Amino acid sequence: MPKVIGIEAATAIVPLDNLTGFATRTVTERHYGLVRVHTEDGLTGIGFCYAGHTAGHLVADAALDLLAPRLLGQDPTRVEGLWQEMYDETLLHGRSGSVMRALSSLDIALWDRNAQAAHLPLWKYLGGFARDAVPAYASGGYYLDGKSPSDLAEETRTHVTHGFRAVKIKVGRVSLPRDVERLAAVREAVGPDVEIMLDANNAWRDLQSAVFAARAFEPHRPYWLEEPFSPDHSRLHSTLAGFTTIPIATGEIESGRWRHHELLEPRGIQVLQTDAAVCGGISEWRRIAAVADVYGVAMAPHWFHDLHVHLVAATPNATWVEFFPDDQVLNFRRLISAQLAVENGRVLLPRSPGLGFDFDEASADRYTQLHPWKQRR
């Protein structure tokens, strides 16, 4: 079996075209951790993660200095064993955050390489559940300077005219009456049969504020209310579920099956948005999905549609791919060589081996100038 002979890592810094607002922060650029795993047979698997909007280089540092030595010289198909060895190495450095995102990226790269070796798209290599496409919702609805409720309504109406049957918008940054006005405008624009997801991005610090907001949103029938609290308030998510008819979704910045079990155990969460580029990679994402299935909880992974289309297509209790129709917020798509196709609100499954794309060399070189590729052999 060919061995791992080289690990590369870099940090891409991609500016946003427009200053973009969430409930609790404003973002001007995205940092992405990029990795490559090379094996003796000439194959290269790629991995990646969102590394925040400052100090993203910490991910590449962890990948090269902490974790790469555990992979070099190893059999790349021994994914479970390599995952455990990398995880054991993280115990003193942090089992979440940048270190776990580095582990996630390397794990993704191993799965990509192994699917290529099998000459199968990753979703088929993982076992396959869907046949040719999976449902997607159009993610957007961000706060921009001068963006009115009617502008937001037009944005979501455009998604629907392009075939999407579900859209997502942000809430929690402005006053509750203004957010209700925004939601009402969207509901009127998209009609009664299109699902509307609400993303609060950890907006509320107390249960009372979240309950008031949820009850104000209820008449417009949101499909879910996402990340109402800080991830450290894991039990509050389940408590809120008892006060509202809106399903509660969370988990996008959680890592490890143990923390996810803490979310699931109170039995209030209805949707897990676990991100494979955050939680511990594809290996850990699959374990979490299996646990969620026992609780009857759906998986609707956060971000990176290019990655998560494979996991949704291979997982019985996965429901939606979060799809970004343009490169204005998830500008990672500027770094890769191929884009997914969407028809009638469904993402067509890739047919090329592995993830089905590579890093675009020219773009990667452009955006990694401050933190270029480094290699361990």
Foldseek 3Di string as FASTA:
>chain_A
DWAWAKKKKFKFKAFFPAFWDAQPDIAGIWIKIKMWIATPVGFIFIFMFTQGRPPSCLLRCLLPVQQVVLRGGHDLVVLVVSLVVLQVSCPVPDNFHSNLLSLQRVSLRSLLRVLVVVFFESLVVLPFDADWWAFAEAEDAIDGPPQALLNSLVVLLVVVVQQAQEYEHEDQNDDLVRRLSSLVSNCVSNDDRGAYEYENQARDDDLVVVLVSQVSNPVSPHQAYENPHDLVPLVSQQVSLVRHPHAYEYACREAALVSLCVNPVSPRHAEYQHASSTHRHPVRVVVNLVVCVVSNHAYEHDDDLLPCRSVLRNHPRYHYYHDHPDCNPVVCVLFKDDDWDDHNRITTRAGGGGSNIDTDVVSLCVRRVVIHMDMDD
